[in-house]
C-alpha atoms as a PDB file:
ATOM      1  CA  MET A   1       2.451   2.225   1.698  1.00  0.00           C
ATOM      2  CA  ARG A   2       0.425   3.884   4.409  1.00  0.00           C
ATOM      3  CA  ARG A   3      -3.240   3.195   4.745  1.00  0.00           C
ATOM      4  CA  ALA A   4      -4.600   4.738   1.579  1.00  0.00           C
ATOM      5  CA  ARG A   5      -8.159   5.339   2.692  1.00  0.00           C
ATOM      6  CA  ALA A   6      -7.031   7.758   5.408  1.00  0.00           C
ATOM      7  CA  ALA A   7      -3.757   9.203   4.180  1.00  0.00           C
ATOM      8  CA  LEU A   8      -4.150   9.413   0.416  1.00  0.00           C
ATOM      9  CA  GLY A   9      -7.519  11.018  -0.105  1.00  0.00           C
ATOM     10  CA  ALA A  10      -6.289  14.069  -1.995  1.00  0.00           C
ATOM     11  CA  THR A  11      -5.573  13.632  -5.687  1.00  0.00           C
ATOM     12  CA  VAL A  12      -2.408  15.702  -5.496  1.00  0.00           C
ATOM     13  CA  LEU A  13      -1.000  13.555  -2.723  1.00  0.00           C
ATOM     14  CA  ALA A  14      -2.020  10.365  -4.454  1.00  0.00           C
ATOM     15  CA  ALA A  15      -0.232  11.554  -7.573  1.00  0.00           C
ATOM     16  CA  SER A  16       2.967  12.055  -5.632  1.00  0.00           C
ATOM     17  CA  VAL A  17       3.160   8.932  -3.508  1.00  0.00           C
ATOM     18  CA  PHE A  18       4.137   6.719  -6.416  1.00  0.00           C
ATOM     19  CA  LEU A  19       7.638   8.095  -6.151  1.00  0.00           C
ATOM     20  CA  LEU A  20       8.332   5.811  -3.254  1.00  0.00           C
ATOM     21  CA  SER A  21       5.681   3.123  -3.352  1.00  0.00           C
ATOM     22  CA  GLY A  22       6.506   2.023  -6.904  1.00  0.00           C
ATOM     23  CA  CYS A  23       9.701   0.324  -7.937  1.00  0.00           C
ATOM     24  CA  GLN A  24      12.048   0.719 -10.869  1.00  0.00           C
ATOM     25  CA  THR A  25      10.507   0.342 -14.310  1.00  0.00           C
ATOM     26  CA  GLN A  26      13.761  -0.831 -15.852  1.00  0.00           C
ATOM     27  CA  PRO A  27      16.520  -3.170 -14.679  1.00  0.00           C
ATOM     28  CA  ILE A  28      18.654  -1.313 -12.171  1.00  0.00           C
ATOM     29  CA  ASP A  29      21.745  -1.528 -14.346  1.00  0.00           C
ATOM     30  CA  ASN A  30      19.850   0.508 -16.952  1.00  0.00           C
ATOM     31  CA  VAL A  31      18.813   3.339 -14.663  1.00  0.00           C
ATOM     32  CA  SER A  32      21.850   5.474 -15.469  1.00  0.00           C
ATOM     33  CA  THR A  33      21.141   5.216 -19.183  1.00  0.00           C
ATOM     34  CA  TYR A  34      17.959   7.251 -18.984  1.00  0.00           C
ATOM     35  CA  SER A  35      18.378   9.392 -15.876  1.00  0.00           C
ATOM     36  CA  SER A  36      19.287  12.976 -16.747  1.00  0.00           C
ATOM     37  CA  VAL A  37      19.336  14.099 -13.132  1.00  0.00           C
ATOM     38  CA  ALA A  38      21.816  13.212 -10.423  1.00  0.00           C
ATOM     39  CA  PRO A  39      20.780  10.512  -7.970  1.00  0.00           C
ATOM     40  CA  PRO A  40      19.168  12.187  -4.945  1.00  0.00           C
ATOM     41  CA  LEU A  41      20.887   9.807  -2.580  1.00  0.00           C
ATOM     42  CA  GLY A  42      24.504  10.746  -3.086  1.00  0.00           C
ATOM     43  CA  VAL A  43      25.156   7.144  -4.070  1.00  0.00           C
ATOM     44  CA  THR A  44      24.502   5.011  -7.127  1.00  0.00           C
ATOM     45  CA  PRO A  45      22.519   1.790  -6.614  1.00  0.00           C
ATOM     46  CA  THR A  46      24.627  -1.314  -7.070  1.00  0.00           C
ATOM     47  CA  PRO A  47      24.045  -2.525 -10.656  1.00  0.00           C
ATOM     48  CA  ALA A  48      21.868  -5.614 -10.729  1.00  0.00           C
ATOM     49  CA  ALA A  49      19.186  -6.505 -13.230  1.00  0.00           C
ATOM     50  CA  ASN A  50      15.670  -7.384 -12.198  1.00  0.00           C
ATOM     51  CA  PRO A  51      15.426 -11.154 -11.956  1.00  0.00           C
ATOM     52  CA  THR A  52      13.293 -12.587 -14.691  1.00  0.00           C
ATOM     53  CA  GLU A  53      10.800 -15.329 -14.025  1.00  0.00           C
ATOM     54  CA  VAL A  54      13.288 -17.782 -15.569  1.00  0.00           C
ATOM     55  CA  GLU A  55      16.048 -16.693 -13.184  1.00  0.00           C
ATOM     56  CA  ALA A  56      13.727 -16.900 -10.215  1.00  0.00           C
ATOM     57  CA  THR A  57      12.687 -20.382 -11.302  1.00  0.00           C
ATOM     58  CA  GLU A  58      16.342 -21.440 -11.489  1.00  0.00           C
ATOM     59  CA  MET A  59      16.775 -20.314  -7.879  1.00  0.00           C
ATOM     60  CA  ARG A  60      13.679 -22.315  -6.966  1.00  0.00           C
ATOM     61  CA  VAL A  61      15.127 -25.480  -8.514  1.00  0.00           C
ATOM     62  CA  SER A  62      18.238 -25.186  -6.369  1.00  0.00           C
ATOM     63  CA  GLN A  63      16.052 -25.110  -3.258  1.00  0.00           C
ATOM     64  CA  ALA A  64      14.021 -28.189  -4.189  1.00  0.00           C
ATOM     65  CA  LEU A  65      10.583 -26.695  -3.626  1.00  0.00           C
ATOM     66  CA  GLU A  66       7.715 -28.808  -4.900  1.00  0.00           C
ATOM     67  CA  PRO A  67       4.135 -27.439  -4.994  1.00  0.00           C
ATOM     68  CA  SER A  68       2.770 -30.740  -3.735  1.00  0.00           C
ATOM     69  CA  SER A  69       4.959 -30.473  -0.645  1.00  0.00           C
ATOM     70  CA  ILE A  70       3.454 -27.143   0.465  1.00  0.00           C
ATOM     71  CA  ASP A  71       1.120 -27.846   3.351  1.00  0.00           C
ATOM     72  CA  VAL A  72       1.447 -24.566   5.267  1.00  0.00           C
ATOM     73  CA  TYR A  73       1.776 -21.112   3.674  1.00  0.00           C
ATOM     74  CA  VAL A  74       2.213 -17.877   5.656  1.00  0.00           C
ATOM     75  CA  ALA A  75       2.176 -14.360   4.150  1.00  0.00           C
ATOM     76  CA  LEU A  76       4.072 -11.523   5.830  1.00  0.00           C
ATOM     77  CA  GLY A  77       4.525  -7.892   4.878  1.00  0.00           C
ATOM     78  CA  ASP A  78       3.050  -4.495   4.123  1.00  0.00           C
ATOM     79  CA  SER A  79       0.199  -3.071   2.054  1.00  0.00           C
ATOM     80  CA  TYR A  80       1.608  -4.245  -1.269  1.00  0.00           C
ATOM     81  CA  ALA A  81       0.745  -7.710   0.028  1.00  0.00           C
ATOM     82  CA  SER A  82      -2.385  -6.914   2.045  1.00  0.00           C
ATOM     83  CA  MET A  83      -4.354  -4.509  -0.175  1.00  0.00           C
ATOM     84  CA  GLY A  84      -6.363  -5.626  -3.190  1.00  0.00           C
ATOM     85  CA  SER A  85      -9.990  -4.591  -3.659  1.00  0.00           C
ATOM     86  CA  ALA A  86     -10.905  -1.394  -1.805  1.00  0.00           C
ATOM     87  CA  SER A  87     -14.637  -2.111  -1.654  1.00  0.00           C
ATOM     88  CA  GLY A  88     -17.108  -4.942  -2.131  1.00  0.00           C
ATOM     89  CA  GLU A  89     -17.074  -8.516  -0.906  1.00  0.00           C
ATOM     90  CA  GLU A  90     -13.324  -8.918  -1.434  1.00  0.00           C
ATOM     91  CA  ALA A  91     -12.384  -5.864   0.657  1.00  0.00           C
ATOM     92  CA  ASP A  92     -11.458  -5.891   4.351  1.00  0.00           C
ATOM     93  CA  SER A  93     -12.548  -2.935   6.475  1.00  0.00           C
ATOM     94  CA  SER A  94     -10.255  -3.761   9.393  1.00  0.00           C
ATOM     95  CA  PHE A  95      -7.088  -1.747  10.029  1.00  0.00           C
ATOM     96  CA  CYS A  96      -4.696  -4.093   8.233  1.00  0.00           C
ATOM     97  CA  ALA A  97      -6.905  -4.099   5.103  1.00  0.00           C
ATOM     98  CA  GLN A  98      -6.274  -7.706   4.098  1.00  0.00           C
ATOM     99  CA  SER A  99      -8.336  -7.853   0.927  1.00  0.00           C
ATOM    100  CA  LYS A 100      -9.555 -11.323   0.107  1.00  0.00           C
ATOM    101  CA  ASP A 101      -8.125 -10.954  -3.385  1.00  0.00           C
ATOM    102  CA  ASN A 102      -4.640  -9.824  -2.382  1.00  0.00           C
ATOM    103  CA  TYR A 103      -1.825 -11.928  -3.790  1.00  0.00           C
ATOM    104  CA  PRO A 104      -1.432 -14.091  -0.675  1.00  0.00           C
ATOM    105  CA  HIS A 105      -5.110 -15.133  -0.780  1.00  0.00           C
ATOM    106  CA  GLU A 106      -4.958 -15.624  -4.549  1.00  0.00           C
ATOM    107  CA  LEU A 107      -1.798 -17.713  -4.272  1.00  0.00           C
ATOM    108  CA  ALA A 108      -3.329 -19.836  -1.521  1.00  0.00           C
ATOM    109  CA  ARG A 109      -6.311 -20.557  -3.780  1.00  0.00           C
ATOM    110  CA  ARG A 110      -3.973 -21.521  -6.592  1.00  0.00           C
ATOM    111  CA  LEU A 111      -2.042 -23.869  -4.311  1.00  0.00           C
ATOM    112  CA  GLY A 112      -5.233 -25.754  -3.483  1.00  0.00           C
ATOM    113  CA  ARG A 113      -7.769 -26.374  -0.728  1.00  0.00           C
ATOM    114  CA  SER A 114      -5.468 -28.629   1.259  1.00  0.00           C
ATOM    115  CA  VAL A 115      -2.962 -25.826   1.953  1.00  0.00           C
ATOM    116  CA  GLU A 116      -3.252 -24.247   5.402  1.00  0.00           C
ATOM    117  CA  PHE A 117      -2.975 -20.484   4.840  1.00  0.00           C
ATOM    118  CA  VAL A 118      -2.233 -17.646   7.275  1.00  0.00           C
ATOM    119  CA  ASP A 119      -2.259 -13.999   6.154  1.00  0.00           C
ATOM    120  CA  ALA A 120      -0.249 -11.889   8.615  1.00  0.00           C
ATOM    121  CA  SER A 121       0.329  -8.957   6.229  1.00  0.00           C
ATOM    122  CA  CYS A 122      -0.748  -5.490   7.315  1.00  0.00           C
ATOM    123  CA  GLN A 123      -0.722  -2.115   5.601  1.00  0.00           C
ATOM    124  CA  GLY A 124       1.887   0.336   6.860  1.00  0.00           C
ATOM    125  CA  SER A 125       4.163  -2.341   8.293  1.00  0.00           C
ATOM    126  CA  THR A 126       7.900  -1.790   8.653  1.00  0.00           C
ATOM    127  CA  THR A 127      10.736  -4.206   9.347  1.00  0.00           C
ATOM    128  CA  GLU A 128      10.222  -3.581  13.079  1.00  0.00           C
ATOM    129  CA  ASN A 129       6.666  -4.899  12.888  1.00  0.00           C
ATOM    130  CA  ILE A 130       7.720  -8.387  11.850  1.00  0.00           C
ATOM    131  CA  ALA A 131       9.250  -9.336  15.203  1.00  0.00           C
ATOM    132  CA  GLY A 132       7.919  -6.494  17.338  1.00  0.00           C
ATOM    133  CA  PRO A 133       4.451  -5.125  18.171  1.00  0.00           C
ATOM    134  CA  ARG A 134       3.022  -2.177  16.279  1.00  0.00           C
ATOM    135  CA  ILE A 135       1.371   0.572  18.287  1.00  0.00           C
ATOM    136  CA  VAL A 136      -1.073   2.775  16.368  1.00  0.00           C
ATOM    137  CA  GLU A 137      -1.704   5.599  18.809  1.00  0.00           C
ATOM    138  CA  ASP A 138      -4.304   7.549  16.825  1.00  0.00           C
ATOM    139  CA  GLU A 139      -6.485   4.428  16.617  1.00  0.00           C
ATOM    140  CA  ASP A 140      -5.671   3.145  20.119  1.00  0.00           C
ATOM    141  CA  LEU A 141      -4.571  -0.110  18.543  1.00  0.00           C
ATOM    142  CA  THR A 142      -1.742  -2.545  19.184  1.00  0.00           C
ATOM    143  CA  ILE A 143      -0.993  -5.116  16.504  1.00  0.00           C
ATOM    144  CA  GLU A 144       0.924  -8.221  17.495  1.00  0.00           C
ATOM    145  CA  PRO A 145       4.232  -9.039  15.761  1.00  0.00           C
ATOM    146  CA  GLN A 146       3.678 -10.754  12.447  1.00  0.00           C
ATOM    147  CA  LEU A 147       6.098 -13.485  13.492  1.00  0.00           C
ATOM    148  CA  ASN A 148       3.555 -14.558  16.090  1.00  0.00           C
ATOM    149  CA  LYS A 149       1.475 -15.885  13.210  1.00  0.00           C
ATOM    150  CA  LEU A 150       4.388 -17.597  11.462  1.00  0.00           C
ATOM    151  CA  ARG A 151       4.070 -21.322  12.072  1.00  0.00           C
ATOM    152  CA  SER A 152       7.224 -23.303  12.716  1.00  0.00           C
ATOM    153  CA  ASP A 153       6.056 -25.933  10.219  1.00  0.00           C
ATOM    154  CA  ALA A 154       5.555 -23.434   7.389  1.00  0.00           C
ATOM    155  CA  ASP A 155       6.695 -24.698   3.997  1.00  0.00           C
ATOM    156  CA  LEU A 156       6.292 -21.403   2.152  1.00  0.00           C
ATOM    157  CA  VAL A 157       6.585 -17.785   3.304  1.00  0.00           C
ATOM    158  CA  THR A 158       6.003 -14.729   1.111  1.00  0.00           C
ATOM    159  CA  LEU A 159       7.299 -11.314   2.127  1.00  0.00           C
ATOM    160  CA  SER A 160       6.683  -7.743   0.903  1.00  0.00           C
ATOM    161  CA  LEU A 161       8.771  -5.317   2.959  1.00  0.00           C
ATOM    162  CA  GLY A 162      11.129  -2.338   2.930  1.00  0.00           C
ATOM    163  CA  GLY A 163       9.284   0.676   1.549  1.00  0.00           C
ATOM    164  CA  ASN A 164       7.804   1.873   4.818  1.00  0.00           C
ATOM    165  CA  ASP A 165      11.242   2.043   6.422  1.00  0.00           C
ATOM    166  CA  MET A 166      12.071   4.983   4.126  1.00  0.00           C
ATOM    167  CA  ASP A 167       9.746   7.591   5.774  1.00  0.00           C
ATOM    168  CA  PHE A 168       7.219   7.146   3.008  1.00  0.00           C
ATOM    169  CA  ALA A 169       4.689   9.429   4.667  1.00  0.00           C
ATOM    170  CA  GLY A 170       7.151  12.298   5.048  1.00  0.00           C
ATOM    171  CA  ILE A 171       8.295  12.128   1.444  1.00  0.00           C
ATOM    172  CA  ALA A 172       4.694  11.917   0.234  1.00  0.00           C
ATOM    173  CA  ARG A 173       3.742  15.025   2.245  1.00  0.00           C
ATOM    174  CA  CYS A 174       6.721  16.935   0.865  1.00  0.00           C
ATOM    175  CA  LEU A 175       5.900  15.998  -2.726  1.00  0.00           C
ATOM    176  CA  GLY A 176       2.255  16.886  -2.176  1.00  0.00           C
ATOM    177  CA  ALA A 177       3.331  20.311  -0.900  1.00  0.00           C
ATOM    178  CA  MET A 178       5.500  20.833  -3.985  1.00  0.00           C
ATOM    179  CA  LEU A 179       2.645  19.966  -6.306  1.00  0.00           C
ATOM    180  CA  ALA A 180       0.408  22.334  -4.351  1.00  0.00           C
ATOM    181  CA  GLY A 181       2.776  25.192  -5.117  1.00  0.00           C
ATOM    182  CA  GLU A 182       5.009  25.370  -2.056  1.00  0.00           C
ATOM    183  CA  ASP A 183       8.662  26.287  -2.591  1.00  0.00           C
ATOM    184  CA  ARG A 184      10.304  23.018  -1.537  1.00  0.00           C
ATOM    185  CA  ASP A 185      12.914  20.749  -3.077  1.00  0.00           C
ATOM    186  CA  CYS A 186      12.163  17.256  -1.807  1.00  0.00           C
ATOM    187  CA  SER A 187      15.064  15.572  -3.574  1.00  0.00           C
ATOM    188  CA  ALA A 188      17.487  17.888  -1.769  1.00  0.00           C
ATOM    189  CA  GLU A 189      15.529  17.900   1.488  1.00  0.00           C
ATOM    190  CA  TYR A 190      15.400  14.120   1.740  1.00  0.00           C
ATOM    191  CA  ALA A 191      18.751  13.257   0.128  1.00  0.00           C
ATOM    192  CA  ALA A 192      20.722  12.835   3.358  1.00  0.00           C
ATOM    193  CA  PRO A 193      18.080  11.085   5.504  1.00  0.00           C
ATOM    194  CA  THR A 194      17.106   8.828   2.607  1.00  0.00           C
ATOM    195  CA  ALA A 195      20.729   7.842   2.021  1.00  0.00           C
ATOM    196  CA  GLN A 196      21.015   6.976   5.707  1.00  0.00           C
ATOM    197  CA  ARG A 197      17.846   4.912   5.662  1.00  0.00           C
ATOM    198  CA  LEU A 198      18.992   3.074   2.548  1.00  0.00           C
ATOM    199  CA  ALA A 199      22.280   2.292   4.265  1.00  0.00           C
ATOM    200  CA  GLU A 200      20.391   0.841   7.234  1.00  0.00           C
ATOM    201  CA  LEU A 201      17.826  -1.138   5.213  1.00  0.00           C
ATOM    202  CA  PRO A 202      19.993  -4.186   4.349  1.00  0.00           C
ATOM    203  CA  ILE A 203      20.719  -4.811   8.023  1.00  0.00           C
ATOM    204  CA  LYS A 204      17.039  -4.463   8.932  1.00  0.00           C
ATOM    205  CA  LEU A 205      15.919  -6.780   6.153  1.00  0.00           C
ATOM    206  CA  SER A 206      18.645  -9.317   6.939  1.00  0.00           C
ATOM    207  CA  LYS A 207      17.460  -9.384  10.537  1.00  0.00           C
ATOM    208  CA  VAL A 208      13.928 -10.142   9.329  1.00  0.00           C
ATOM    209  CA  HIS A 209      15.204 -12.991   7.158  1.00  0.00           C
ATOM    210  CA  SER A 210      17.174 -14.358  10.107  1.00  0.00           C
ATOM    211  CA  GLU A 211      14.090 -14.245  12.328  1.00  0.00           C
ATOM    212  CA  ILE A 212      11.985 -16.013   9.710  1.00  0.00           C
ATOM    213  CA  LYS A 213      14.591 -18.773   9.388  1.00  0.00           C
ATOM    214  CA  LYS A 214      14.746 -19.151  13.145  1.00  0.00           C
ATOM    215  CA  LYS A 215      10.974 -19.459  13.464  1.00  0.00           C
ATOM    216  CA  ALA A 216      10.369 -21.566  10.352  1.00  0.00           C
ATOM    217  CA  PRO A 217      13.693 -23.195   9.395  1.00  0.00           C
ATOM    218  CA  GLY A 218      12.181 -25.427   6.741  1.00  0.00           C
ATOM    219  CA  ALA A 219      10.340 -22.714   4.822  1.00  0.00           C
ATOM    220  CA  ILE A 220      11.176 -21.437   1.381  1.00  0.00           C
ATOM    221  CA  VAL A 221      10.929 -17.636   1.400  1.00  0.00           C
ATOM    222  CA  VAL A 222       9.704 -15.734  -1.669  1.00  0.00           C
ATOM    223  CA  VAL A 223      10.194 -11.955  -1.565  1.00  0.00           C
ATOM    224  CA  THR A 224       8.032  -9.843  -3.850  1.00  0.00           C
ATOM    225  CA  GLY A 225       9.156  -6.588  -5.436  1.00  0.00           C
ATOM    226  CA  TYR A 226       7.094  -3.409  -5.651  1.00  0.00           C
ATOM    227  CA  VAL A 227       5.183  -3.147  -8.925  1.00  0.00           C
ATOM    228  CA  PRO A 228       5.814   0.354 -10.399  1.00  0.00           C
ATOM    229  CA  LEU A 229       2.982   2.847 -10.407  1.00  0.00           C
ATOM    230  CA  ILE A 230       4.523   4.859 -13.196  1.00  0.00           C
ATOM    231  CA  SER A 231       6.637   4.155 -16.262  1.00  0.00           C
ATOM    232  CA  LEU A 232       8.808   6.135 -18.632  1.00  0.00           C
ATOM    233  CA  GLU A 233       7.227   4.078 -21.414  1.00  0.00           C
ATOM    234  CA  GLN A 234       3.730   5.418 -20.697  1.00  0.00           C
ATOM    235  CA  GLU A 235       2.521   9.008 -20.368  1.00  0.00           C
ATOM    236  CA  CYS A 236      -0.693  10.452 -18.967  1.00  0.00           C
ATOM    237  CA  ASP A 237      -1.910  13.390 -16.889  1.00  0.00           C
ATOM    238  CA  VAL A 238      -0.130  12.069 -13.804  1.00  0.00           C
ATOM    239  CA  THR A 239       3.282  12.057 -15.457  1.00  0.00           C
ATOM    240  CA  LYS A 240       2.666  15.528 -16.886  1.00  0.00           C
ATOM    241  CA  VAL A 241       1.844  16.913 -13.452  1.00  0.00           C
ATOM    242  CA  ILE A 242       4.873  15.318 -11.819  1.00  0.00           C
ATOM    243  CA  GLY A 243       7.263  16.153 -14.619  1.00  0.00           C
ATOM    244  CA  ARG A 244      10.258  14.306 -16.033  1.00  0.00           C
ATOM    245  CA  ASP A 245      12.614  15.246 -13.201  1.00  0.00           C
ATOM    246  CA  GLY A 246      10.109  14.059 -10.624  1.00  0.00           C
ATOM    247  CA  VAL A 247       9.647  10.737 -12.404  1.00  0.00           C
ATOM    248  CA  GLU A 248      13.393  10.198 -12.682  1.00  0.00           C
ATOM    249  CA  TRP A 249      13.984  11.124  -9.058  1.00  0.00           C
ATOM    250  CA  GLY A 250      11.385   8.611  -7.995  1.00  0.00           C
ATOM    251  CA  LEU A 251      12.895   5.954 -10.243  1.00  0.00           C
ATOM    252  CA  TRP A 252      16.314   6.464  -8.700  1.00  0.00           C
ATOM    253  CA  LEU A 253      14.943   6.189  -5.207  1.00  0.00           C
ATOM    254  CA  THR A 254      12.739   3.188  -5.771  1.00  0.00           C
ATOM    255  CA  ALA A 255      15.388   1.440  -7.855  1.00  0.00           C
ATOM    256  CA  ALA A 256      17.666   1.635  -4.847  1.00  0.00           C
ATOM    257  CA  ILE A 257      14.976   0.239  -2.546  1.00  0.00           C
ATOM    258  CA  ASN A 258      14.110  -2.657  -4.842  1.00  0.00           C
ATOM    259  CA  ASN A 259      17.756  -3.413  -5.424  1.00  0.00           C
ATOM    260  CA  ILE A 260      18.393  -3.687  -1.693  1.00  0.00           C
ATOM    261  CA  VAL A 261      15.305  -5.846  -1.206  1.00  0.00           C
ATOM    262  CA  LYS A 262      16.435  -8.152  -4.018  1.00  0.00           C
ATOM    263  CA  GLN A 263      20.070  -8.476  -3.013  1.00  0.00           C
ATOM    264  CA  THR A 264      19.276  -8.946   0.670  1.00  0.00           C
ATOM    265  CA  ALA A 265      16.743 -11.633  -0.186  1.00  0.00           C
ATOM    266  CA  GLU A 266      19.165 -13.556  -2.359  1.00  0.00           C
ATOM    267  CA  ALA A 267      21.989 -13.181   0.178  1.00  0.00           C
ATOM    268  CA  ASN A 268      19.719 -14.897   2.686  1.00  0.00           C
ATOM    269  CA  GLY A 269      18.683 -17.721   0.391  1.00  0.00           C
ATOM    270  CA  ALA A 270      15.297 -16.263  -0.545  1.00  0.00           C
ATOM    271  CA  ILE A 271      13.780 -15.878  -4.018  1.00  0.00           C
ATOM    272  CA  PHE A 272      12.921 -12.407  -5.363  1.00  0.00           C
ATOM    273  CA  VAL A 273      10.088 -12.159  -7.906  1.00  0.00           C
ATOM    274  CA  LEU A 274       8.376  -9.499  -9.965  1.00  0.00           C
ATOM    275  CA  PRO A 275       5.874 -10.000 -12.812  1.00  0.00           C
ATOM    276  CA  GLU A 276       7.190  -9.612 -16.342  1.00  0.00           C
ATOM    277  CA  GLU A 277       6.623  -6.378 -18.304  1.00  0.00           C
ATOM    278  CA  VAL A 278       5.404  -4.365 -15.333  1.00  0.00           C
ATOM    279  CA  GLU A 279       6.299  -1.158 -17.165  1.00  0.00           C
ATOM    280  CA  LYS A 280       3.382  -1.789 -19.552  1.00  0.00           C
ATOM    281  CA  HIS A 281       0.809  -1.931 -16.758  1.00  0.00           C
ATOM    282  CA  SER A 282       1.325   1.339 -14.894  1.00  0.00           C
ATOM    283  CA  THR A 283      -1.315   3.839 -13.842  1.00  0.00           C
ATOM    284  CA  CYS A 284      -1.127   5.310 -17.362  1.00  0.00           C
ATOM    285  CA  ALA A 285      -2.382   2.080 -18.953  1.00  0.00           C
ATOM    286  CA  SER A 286      -6.058   1.518 -19.641  1.00  0.00           C
ATOM    287  CA  ALA A 287      -8.051   0.657 -16.520  1.00  0.00           C
ATOM    288  CA  ARG A 288      -8.320  -3.023 -17.499  1.00  0.00           C
ATOM    289  CA  GLN A 289      -4.549  -3.226 -18.030  1.00  0.00           C
ATOM    290  CA  ARG A 290      -3.445  -1.508 -14.825  1.00  0.00           C
ATOM    291  CA  TRP A 291      -1.642  -3.594 -12.263  1.00  0.00           C
ATOM    292  CA  VAL A 292      -1.324  -0.499 -10.068  1.00  0.00           C
ATOM    293  CA  ALA A 293      -3.251   2.770  -9.924  1.00  0.00           C
ATOM    294  CA  VAL A 294      -2.551   6.237  -8.554  1.00  0.00           C
ATOM    295  CA  ASP A 295      -6.148   7.032  -7.576  1.00  0.00           C
ATOM    296  CA  GLY A 296      -7.813   3.608  -7.722  1.00  0.00           C
ATOM    297  CA  LYS A 297     -11.106   5.061  -8.967  1.00  0.00           C
ATOM    298  CA  ASP A 298     -11.511   2.924 -12.069  1.00  0.00           C
ATOM    299  CA  THR A 299      -9.913  -0.221 -10.634  1.00  0.00           C
ATOM    300  CA  ASN A 300     -11.549  -0.630  -7.202  1.00  0.00           C
ATOM    301  CA  SER A 301      -8.103  -0.422  -5.626  1.00  0.00           C
ATOM    302  CA  TYR A 302      -6.453   1.725  -2.989  1.00  0.00           C
ATOM    303  CA  PRO A 303      -4.660   4.877  -4.174  1.00  0.00           C
ATOM    304  CA  ALA A 304      -1.027   4.222  -5.096  1.00  0.00           C
ATOM    305  CA  HIS A 305      -1.360   0.449  -4.649  1.00  0.00           C
ATOM    306  CA  PRO A 306      -1.753  -2.718  -6.723  1.00  0.00           C
ATOM    307  CA  THR A 307      -5.097  -3.336  -8.370  1.00  0.00           C
ATOM    308  CA  PRO A 308      -6.901  -6.660  -7.920  1.00  0.00           C
ATOM    309  CA  ARG A 309      -5.551  -7.643 -11.329  1.00  0.00           C
ATOM    310  CA  GLY A 310      -2.032  -6.663 -10.258  1.00  0.00           C
ATOM    311  CA  GLN A 311      -2.373  -8.864  -7.203  1.00  0.00           C
ATOM    312  CA  ARG A 312      -3.470 -11.768  -9.404  1.00  0.00           C
ATOM    313  CA  GLU A 313      -0.434 -11.261 -11.626  1.00  0.00           C
ATOM    314  CA  MET A 314       1.876 -11.374  -8.623  1.00  0.00           C
ATOM    315  CA  ALA A 315       0.240 -14.584  -7.396  1.00  0.00           C
ATOM    316  CA  LYS A 316       0.518 -16.101 -10.864  1.00  0.00           C
ATOM    317  CA  THR A 317       4.217 -15.202 -11.051  1.00  0.00           C
ATOM    318  CA  ILE A 318       4.947 -16.774  -7.667  1.00  0.00           C
ATOM    319  CA  GLU A 319       3.014 -19.893  -8.679  1.00  0.00           C
ATOM    320  CA  SER A 320       5.043 -20.164 -11.892  1.00  0.00           C
ATOM    321  CA  VAL A 321       8.295 -19.940  -9.946  1.00  0.00           C
ATOM    322  CA  ILE A 322       7.142 -22.578  -7.477  1.00  0.00           C
ATOM    323  CA  GLU A 323       6.065 -24.929 -10.242  1.00  0.00           C
ATOM    324  CA  GLY A 324       9.340 -24.417 -12.083  1.00  0.00           C
END
């Protein structure tokens, strides 16, 4: 989820980046039923279905969260939290690209005027950037740790994190080279390093959860999944260019990422949410129905990121879980 405006200008590259930035389009325990290619990771993701809104709500009940008790809300995470509108009044031209219609802002509006809201999300963030500073050398910029903005009296924390720890940029460049005609096999090239990064991700995410608890012990933490950019249920020019094997490889990889994010969240007492029927709102849907878009041209969104409507759907899903 690198900064789209700088890194994803080419259509070919934008068409390839979905393979990591999207998530699974089916419950993880169904992945093996439609994948005709071997997992590129050398391992099979632990079977676990996507939590439905009902299941997420049941988790919420056990944690006794009441909307009326939320006085302070802090949003942490990467570009799937920060980026909404790419231009216009809702867009943010600063480095972190915190659109004013991203799901944290939308959720804060839904919670009401009395809620004190802090958006600490920033595009391109990794697990290291939650508790540690982020140095952006090519822009001569140092971004403070997101935890610095997490208030100790926070009642609610949302978190979108994990994808950027998988060398997203490197995989995107490799896939772009393949689509441009170069003789490369990205699934083979990245199999070993990706498997290693997946093995390390639970520890990194657990550390983030531990740090959040330490800083804001009374907060309920809601972790959001990555809405899929592509779906096996919908076809368009993008899927034709990438091909079936490419789609399935990406589904395997992102299923593993989302599964780890989900299981780590739940192991640490957090709630994992994803809007219902995301597979019907991929980049192949009509512009008005897209919750994500590969190029963003018809949706005023960043390439390979959620559309403003997709951000609203995420906010609505979180609100439904909170309300029970």
